[in-house]
């Protein structure tokens, strides 16, 4: 077939190099201070590098939260594998964990020496408060993009209530929320279904 007669398709976005993946996760691992790691992950993966869109980010974050282990580590594995397969997953995980392993070893030594210092305690309390602020910002940013229907807000509130007031295990709460969401967002006539494995850089449009 003549190339001129074939339909025009948008150029595929090339995946990042392995070195780039390692560097980005290394920087995130070294700068994600105070516990607001979700905000740092979103900034690095969605805002700055456009490797994921917000919908995919939330989907991968949901998977990370239902699996054992730290969210940041699980996200590194999932995103690295999505970008460059097994090697990407390994490099992303090493990049994310290496700075923390080095710094926490030094911090544990320092805390053992001066852990009762009131100035240090005040500093740690300030970091904790700042981390909560980062989490609130991420909730607002993601909520405005991901929650599209009243049912989505109901699922959010029901999940929060189940965990906070009824002490339901987080994995069980997320699995239950997923089952409800499957039923509510099931394919229907006239509703466009978007594949989860869309090319990198392709945005979700309503």
C-alpha atoms as a PDB file:
ATOM      1  CA  UNK A   1       0.000   0.000   0.000  1.00  0.00           C
ATOM      2  CA  UNK A   2       1.203   3.475  -0.830  1.00  0.00           C
ATOM      3  CA  UNK A   3       2.343   5.306   2.319  1.00  0.00           C
ATOM      4  CA  UNK A   4       0.554   8.435   1.123  1.00  0.00           C
ATOM      5  CA  UNK A   5      -2.771   6.597   1.208  1.00  0.00           C
ATOM      6  CA  UNK A   6      -2.400   5.300   4.772  1.00  0.00           C
ATOM      7  CA  UNK A   7      -4.148   7.274   7.507  1.00  0.00           C
ATOM      8  CA  UNK A   8      -2.113   9.841   9.372  1.00  0.00           C
ATOM      9  CA  UNK A   9      -1.378   8.855  12.971  1.00  0.00           C
ATOM     10  CA  UNK A  10       0.137  11.028  15.699  1.00  0.00           C
ATOM     11  CA  UNK A  11       3.794  10.216  16.382  1.00  0.00           C
ATOM     12  CA  UNK A  12       4.357   7.898  19.332  1.00  0.00           C
ATOM     13  CA  UNK A  13       6.022   9.488  22.344  1.00  0.00           C
ATOM     14  CA  UNK A  14       9.385   7.830  22.952  1.00  0.00           C
ATOM     15  CA  UNK A  15       9.803   6.343  26.433  1.00  0.00           C
ATOM     16  CA  UNK A  16      12.493   7.930  28.616  1.00  0.00           C
ATOM     17  CA  UNK A  17      15.954   6.424  28.804  1.00  0.00           C
ATOM     18  CA  UNK A  18      16.898   4.138  31.670  1.00  0.00           C
ATOM     19  CA  UNK A  19      19.327   6.758  32.923  1.00  0.00           C
ATOM     20  CA  UNK A  20      16.596   9.394  32.911  1.00  0.00           C
ATOM     21  CA  UNK A  21      14.260   7.109  34.872  1.00  0.00           C
ATOM     22  CA  UNK A  22      16.958   6.454  37.479  1.00  0.00           C
ATOM     23  CA  UNK A  23      17.795  10.156  37.795  1.00  0.00           C
ATOM     24  CA  UNK A  24      14.193  11.330  38.156  1.00  0.00           C
ATOM     25  CA  UNK A  25      13.432   8.753  40.846  1.00  0.00           C
ATOM     26  CA  UNK A  26      16.753   9.471  42.562  1.00  0.00           C
ATOM     27  CA  UNK A  27      15.844  13.163  42.793  1.00  0.00           C
ATOM     28  CA  UNK A  28      12.349  12.351  44.052  1.00  0.00           C
ATOM     29  CA  UNK A  29      13.795   9.963  46.614  1.00  0.00           C
ATOM     30  CA  UNK A  30      16.215  12.626  47.836  1.00  0.00           C
ATOM     31  CA  UNK A  31      13.701  15.485  47.997  1.00  0.00           C
ATOM     32  CA  UNK A  32      10.415  13.855  49.066  1.00  0.00           C
ATOM     33  CA  UNK A  33      10.690  15.080  52.643  1.00  0.00           C
ATOM     34  CA  UNK A  34       8.085  15.149  55.388  1.00  0.00           C
ATOM     35  CA  UNK A  35       5.824  12.290  54.368  1.00  0.00           C
ATOM     36  CA  UNK A  36       4.000  13.979  51.476  1.00  0.00           C
ATOM     37  CA  UNK A  37       5.473  11.532  48.999  1.00  0.00           C
ATOM     38  CA  UNK A  38       2.313  11.365  46.872  1.00  0.00           C
ATOM     39  CA  UNK A  39       2.654  15.054  46.070  1.00  0.00           C
ATOM     40  CA  UNK A  40       6.284  14.661  45.057  1.00  0.00           C
ATOM     41  CA  UNK A  41       5.460  11.637  42.918  1.00  0.00           C
ATOM     42  CA  UNK A  42       2.689  13.495  41.121  1.00  0.00           C
ATOM     43  CA  UNK A  43       4.929  16.508  40.504  1.00  0.00           C
ATOM     44  CA  UNK A  44       7.746  14.366  39.127  1.00  0.00           C
ATOM     45  CA  UNK A  45       5.698  11.925  37.072  1.00  0.00           C
ATOM     46  CA  UNK A  46       2.696  13.961  35.905  1.00  0.00           C
ATOM     47  CA  UNK A  47       3.582  17.653  36.005  1.00  0.00           C
ATOM     48  CA  UNK A  48       7.272  17.840  35.130  1.00  0.00           C
ATOM     49  CA  UNK A  49       7.888  14.817  32.919  1.00  0.00           C
ATOM     50  CA  UNK A  50       4.386  14.020  31.616  1.00  0.00           C
ATOM     51  CA  UNK A  51       5.052  10.300  31.922  1.00  0.00           C
ATOM     52  CA  UNK A  52       1.554   9.719  33.328  1.00  0.00           C
ATOM     53  CA  UNK A  53      -1.726  11.580  33.350  1.00  0.00           C
ATOM     54  CA  UNK A  54      -3.695  12.129  36.545  1.00  0.00           C
ATOM     55  CA  UNK A  55      -6.107   9.277  35.875  1.00  0.00           C
ATOM     56  CA  UNK A  56      -3.321   6.743  35.334  1.00  0.00           C
ATOM     57  CA  UNK A  57      -1.430   8.133  38.337  1.00  0.00           C
ATOM     58  CA  UNK A  58      -4.429   7.537  40.596  1.00  0.00           C
ATOM     59  CA  UNK A  59      -4.935   4.043  39.163  1.00  0.00           C
ATOM     60  CA  UNK A  60      -1.320   3.055  39.861  1.00  0.00           C
ATOM     61  CA  UNK A  61      -1.460   4.687  43.293  1.00  0.00           C
ATOM     62  CA  UNK A  62      -4.553   2.641  44.107  1.00  0.00           C
ATOM     63  CA  UNK A  63      -2.727  -0.558  43.166  1.00  0.00           C
ATOM     64  CA  UNK A  64       0.259   0.520  45.283  1.00  0.00           C
ATOM     65  CA  UNK A  65      -1.931   1.062  48.315  1.00  0.00           C
ATOM     66  CA  UNK A  66      -3.555  -2.361  48.107  1.00  0.00           C
ATOM     67  CA  UNK A  67      -0.205  -4.189  48.015  1.00  0.00           C
ATOM     68  CA  UNK A  68       2.222  -4.765  50.904  1.00  0.00           C
ATOM     69  CA  UNK A  69       5.108  -2.341  51.167  1.00  0.00           C
ATOM     70  CA  UNK A  70       5.628   1.399  50.949  1.00  0.00           C
ATOM     71  CA  UNK A  71       3.545   3.351  48.454  1.00  0.00           C
ATOM     72  CA  UNK A  72       6.616   5.084  47.020  1.00  0.00           C
ATOM     73  CA  UNK A  73       8.426   1.790  46.440  1.00  0.00           C
ATOM     74  CA  UNK A  74       5.388   0.136  44.898  1.00  0.00           C
ATOM     75  CA  UNK A  75       4.808   3.153  42.648  1.00  0.00           C
ATOM     76  CA  UNK A  76       8.437   3.070  41.537  1.00  0.00           C
ATOM     77  CA  UNK A  77       8.079  -0.556  40.469  1.00  0.00           C
ATOM     78  CA  UNK A  78       4.793   0.007  38.642  1.00  0.00           C
ATOM     79  CA  UNK A  79       5.857   3.196  36.861  1.00  0.00           C
ATOM     80  CA  UNK A  80       9.339   1.932  35.993  1.00  0.00           C
ATOM     81  CA  UNK A  81       7.862  -1.249  34.518  1.00  0.00           C
ATOM     82  CA  UNK A  82       5.277   0.754  32.579  1.00  0.00           C
ATOM     83  CA  UNK A  83       7.967   2.988  31.087  1.00  0.00           C
ATOM     84  CA  UNK A  84      10.809   0.548  30.340  1.00  0.00           C
ATOM     85  CA  UNK A  85       9.889  -2.913  31.579  1.00  0.00           C
ATOM     86  CA  UNK A  86      11.776  -4.857  34.248  1.00  0.00           C
ATOM     87  CA  UNK A  87      14.972  -2.808  33.944  1.00  0.00           C
ATOM     88  CA  UNK A  88      13.007   0.388  34.353  1.00  0.00           C
ATOM     89  CA  UNK A  89      11.323  -1.038  37.443  1.00  0.00           C
ATOM     90  CA  UNK A  90      14.661  -1.982  39.023  1.00  0.00           C
ATOM     91  CA  UNK A  91      16.303   1.373  38.314  1.00  0.00           C
ATOM     92  CA  UNK A  92      13.272   3.361  39.453  1.00  0.00           C
ATOM     93  CA  UNK A  93      13.142   1.414  42.720  1.00  0.00           C
ATOM     94  CA  UNK A  94      16.865   1.772  43.397  1.00  0.00           C
ATOM     95  CA  UNK A  95      16.713   5.474  42.587  1.00  0.00           C
ATOM     96  CA  UNK A  96      13.761   6.020  44.916  1.00  0.00           C
ATOM     97  CA  UNK A  97      15.152   4.016  47.848  1.00  0.00           C
ATOM     98  CA  UNK A  98      18.882   4.812  47.736  1.00  0.00           C
ATOM     99  CA  UNK A  99      18.794   8.424  49.039  1.00  0.00           C
ATOM    100  CA  UNK A 100      16.437   7.511  51.867  1.00  0.00           C
ATOM    101  CA  UNK A 101      18.559   4.527  52.899  1.00  0.00           C
ATOM    102  CA  UNK A 102      21.681   6.686  53.116  1.00  0.00           C
ATOM    103  CA  UNK A 103      20.021   9.653  54.818  1.00  0.00           C
ATOM    104  CA  UNK A 104      18.023   7.540  57.283  1.00  0.00           C
ATOM    105  CA  UNK A 105      21.184   5.745  58.382  1.00  0.00           C
ATOM    106  CA  UNK A 106      22.766   9.107  59.144  1.00  0.00           C
ATOM    107  CA  UNK A 107      19.559  10.437  60.740  1.00  0.00           C
ATOM    108  CA  UNK A 108      19.223   7.396  62.996  1.00  0.00           C
ATOM    109  CA  UNK A 109      22.746   7.965  64.246  1.00  0.00           C
ATOM    110  CA  UNK A 110      22.097  11.682  64.830  1.00  0.00           C
ATOM    111  CA  UNK A 111      18.746  11.036  66.521  1.00  0.00           C
ATOM    112  CA  UNK A 112      20.372   8.525  68.838  1.00  0.00           C
ATOM    113  CA  UNK A 113      22.730  11.261  69.978  1.00  0.00           C
ATOM    114  CA  UNK A 114      20.345  14.233  70.255  1.00  0.00           C
ATOM    115  CA  UNK A 115      16.810  12.849  70.009  1.00  0.00           C
ATOM    116  CA  UNK A 116      15.684  14.654  73.182  1.00  0.00           C
ATOM    117  CA  UNK A 117      16.708  18.098  71.939  1.00  0.00           C
ATOM    118  CA  UNK A 118      13.595  20.385  72.035  1.00  0.00           C
ATOM    119  CA  UNK A 119      14.715  22.248  68.909  1.00  0.00           C
ATOM    120  CA  UNK A 120      14.918  18.993  66.972  1.00  0.00           C
ATOM    121  CA  UNK A 121      11.471  17.939  68.202  1.00  0.00           C
ATOM    122  CA  UNK A 122      10.007  21.294  67.148  1.00  0.00           C
ATOM    123  CA  UNK A 123      11.601  20.901  63.717  1.00  0.00           C
ATOM    124  CA  UNK A 124      10.112  17.416  63.280  1.00  0.00           C
ATOM    125  CA  UNK A 125       6.663  18.671  64.315  1.00  0.00           C
ATOM    126  CA  UNK A 126       6.928  21.395  61.667  1.00  0.00           C
ATOM    127  CA  UNK A 127       7.831  18.861  58.995  1.00  0.00           C
ATOM    128  CA  UNK A 128       4.836  16.720  59.968  1.00  0.00           C
ATOM    129  CA  UNK A 129       2.486  19.704  59.665  1.00  0.00           C
ATOM    130  CA  UNK A 130       3.936  20.607  56.280  1.00  0.00           C
ATOM    131  CA  UNK A 131       3.474  17.032  55.079  1.00  0.00           C
ATOM    132  CA  UNK A 132      -0.226  17.200  55.933  1.00  0.00           C
ATOM    133  CA  UNK A 133      -0.471  20.401  53.909  1.00  0.00           C
ATOM    134  CA  UNK A 134       1.097  18.687  50.892  1.00  0.00           C
ATOM    135  CA  UNK A 135      -1.368  15.808  51.167  1.00  0.00           C
ATOM    136  CA  UNK A 136      -4.306  18.246  51.210  1.00  0.00           C
ATOM    137  CA  UNK A 137      -2.981  20.006  48.086  1.00  0.00           C
ATOM    138  CA  UNK A 138      -2.647  16.699  46.215  1.00  0.00           C
ATOM    139  CA  UNK A 139      -6.151  15.655  47.275  1.00  0.00           C
ATOM    140  CA  UNK A 140      -7.609  18.870  45.852  1.00  0.00           C
ATOM    141  CA  UNK A 141      -5.614  18.667  42.608  1.00  0.00           C
ATOM    142  CA  UNK A 142      -6.385  15.012  41.920  1.00  0.00           C
ATOM    143  CA  UNK A 143      -9.981  15.215  43.086  1.00  0.00           C
ATOM    144  CA  UNK A 144     -10.809  17.964  40.619  1.00  0.00           C
ATOM    145  CA  UNK A 145      -9.482  15.833  37.741  1.00  0.00           C
ATOM    146  CA  UNK A 146     -10.483  12.301  38.699  1.00  0.00           C
ATOM    147  CA  UNK A 147     -13.834  12.627  40.470  1.00  0.00           C
ATOM    148  CA  UNK A 148     -16.374  13.204  37.710  1.00  0.00           C
ATOM    149  CA  UNK A 149     -19.680  11.947  39.112  1.00  0.00           C
ATOM    150  CA  UNK A 150     -21.611  12.092  42.381  1.00  0.00           C
ATOM    151  CA  UNK A 151     -20.996   8.356  42.812  1.00  0.00           C
ATOM    152  CA  UNK A 152     -17.240   8.995  42.860  1.00  0.00           C
ATOM    153  CA  UNK A 153     -17.607  11.392  45.795  1.00  0.00           C
ATOM    154  CA  UNK A 154     -19.854   8.895  47.589  1.00  0.00           C
ATOM    155  CA  UNK A 155     -17.186   6.195  47.202  1.00  0.00           C
ATOM    156  CA  UNK A 156     -14.531   8.567  48.582  1.00  0.00           C
ATOM    157  CA  UNK A 157     -16.597   9.478  51.639  1.00  0.00           C
ATOM    158  CA  UNK A 158     -17.694   5.891  52.272  1.00  0.00           C
ATOM    159  CA  UNK A 159     -14.112   4.623  52.066  1.00  0.00           C
ATOM    160  CA  UNK A 160     -12.857   7.344  54.422  1.00  0.00           C
ATOM    161  CA  UNK A 161     -15.644   6.623  56.899  1.00  0.00           C
ATOM    162  CA  UNK A 162     -15.020   2.870  56.787  1.00  0.00           C
ATOM    163  CA  UNK A 163     -11.325   3.315  57.593  1.00  0.00           C
ATOM    164  CA  UNK A 164     -11.620   6.183  60.096  1.00  0.00           C
ATOM    165  CA  UNK A 165     -14.707   5.205  62.091  1.00  0.00           C
ATOM    166  CA  UNK A 166     -15.136   1.475  61.576  1.00  0.00           C
ATOM    167  CA  UNK A 167     -11.413   0.623  61.442  1.00  0.00           C
ATOM    168  CA  UNK A 168     -11.728  -1.351  58.220  1.00  0.00           C
ATOM    169  CA  UNK A 169      -8.361  -2.446  56.862  1.00  0.00           C
ATOM    170  CA  UNK A 170      -7.181  -0.154  54.056  1.00  0.00           C
ATOM    171  CA  UNK A 171      -6.738  -2.970  51.485  1.00  0.00           C
ATOM    172  CA  UNK A 172     -10.234  -4.290  52.209  1.00  0.00           C
ATOM    173  CA  UNK A 173     -11.713  -0.796  51.973  1.00  0.00           C
ATOM    174  CA  UNK A 174     -10.001  -0.174  48.632  1.00  0.00           C
ATOM    175  CA  UNK A 175     -11.054  -3.547  47.241  1.00  0.00           C
ATOM    176  CA  UNK A 176     -14.659  -2.870  48.256  1.00  0.00           C
ATOM    177  CA  UNK A 177     -14.475   0.588  46.669  1.00  0.00           C
ATOM    178  CA  UNK A 178     -13.097  -0.993  43.504  1.00  0.00           C
ATOM    179  CA  UNK A 179     -15.939  -3.498  43.323  1.00  0.00           C
ATOM    180  CA  UNK A 180     -18.522  -0.731  43.701  1.00  0.00           C
ATOM    181  CA  UNK A 181     -16.715   1.361  41.072  1.00  0.00           C
ATOM    182  CA  UNK A 182     -16.646  -1.590  38.655  1.00  0.00           C
ATOM    183  CA  UNK A 183     -20.400  -1.899  38.915  1.00  0.00           C
ATOM    184  CA  UNK A 184     -21.038   1.836  38.604  1.00  0.00           C
ATOM    185  CA  UNK A 185     -18.583   2.501  35.764  1.00  0.00           C
ATOM    186  CA  UNK A 186     -19.319  -0.739  33.899  1.00  0.00           C
ATOM    187  CA  UNK A 187     -19.430  -0.423  30.094  1.00  0.00           C
ATOM    188  CA  UNK A 188     -22.778   0.836  28.882  1.00  0.00           C
ATOM    189  CA  UNK A 189     -24.216   1.732  25.527  1.00  0.00           C
ATOM    190  CA  UNK A 190     -22.999   5.133  24.424  1.00  0.00           C
ATOM    191  CA  UNK A 191     -20.193   5.282  26.983  1.00  0.00           C
ATOM    192  CA  UNK A 192     -16.641   5.501  25.582  1.00  0.00           C
ATOM    193  CA  UNK A 193     -14.173   3.071  27.142  1.00  0.00           C
ATOM    194  CA  UNK A 194     -10.558   4.268  27.334  1.00  0.00           C
ATOM    195  CA  UNK A 195      -7.866   1.553  27.508  1.00  0.00           C
ATOM    196  CA  UNK A 196      -5.583   1.597  30.543  1.00  0.00           C
ATOM    197  CA  UNK A 197      -2.458   1.028  28.451  1.00  0.00           C
ATOM    198  CA  UNK A 198      -2.687   4.144  26.314  1.00  0.00           C
ATOM    199  CA  UNK A 199       0.668   5.372  24.928  1.00  0.00           C
ATOM    200  CA  UNK A 200       2.829   7.535  27.163  1.00  0.00           C
ATOM    201  CA  UNK A 201       1.846  11.163  26.887  1.00  0.00           C
ATOM    202  CA  UNK A 202      -1.666  10.432  25.649  1.00  0.00           C
ATOM    203  CA  UNK A 203      -4.098  12.358  27.844  1.00  0.00           C
ATOM    204  CA  UNK A 204      -7.529  11.280  29.002  1.00  0.00           C
ATOM    205  CA  UNK A 205     -10.259  13.404  27.509  1.00  0.00           C
ATOM    206  CA  UNK A 206     -13.870  13.452  28.500  1.00  0.00           C
END
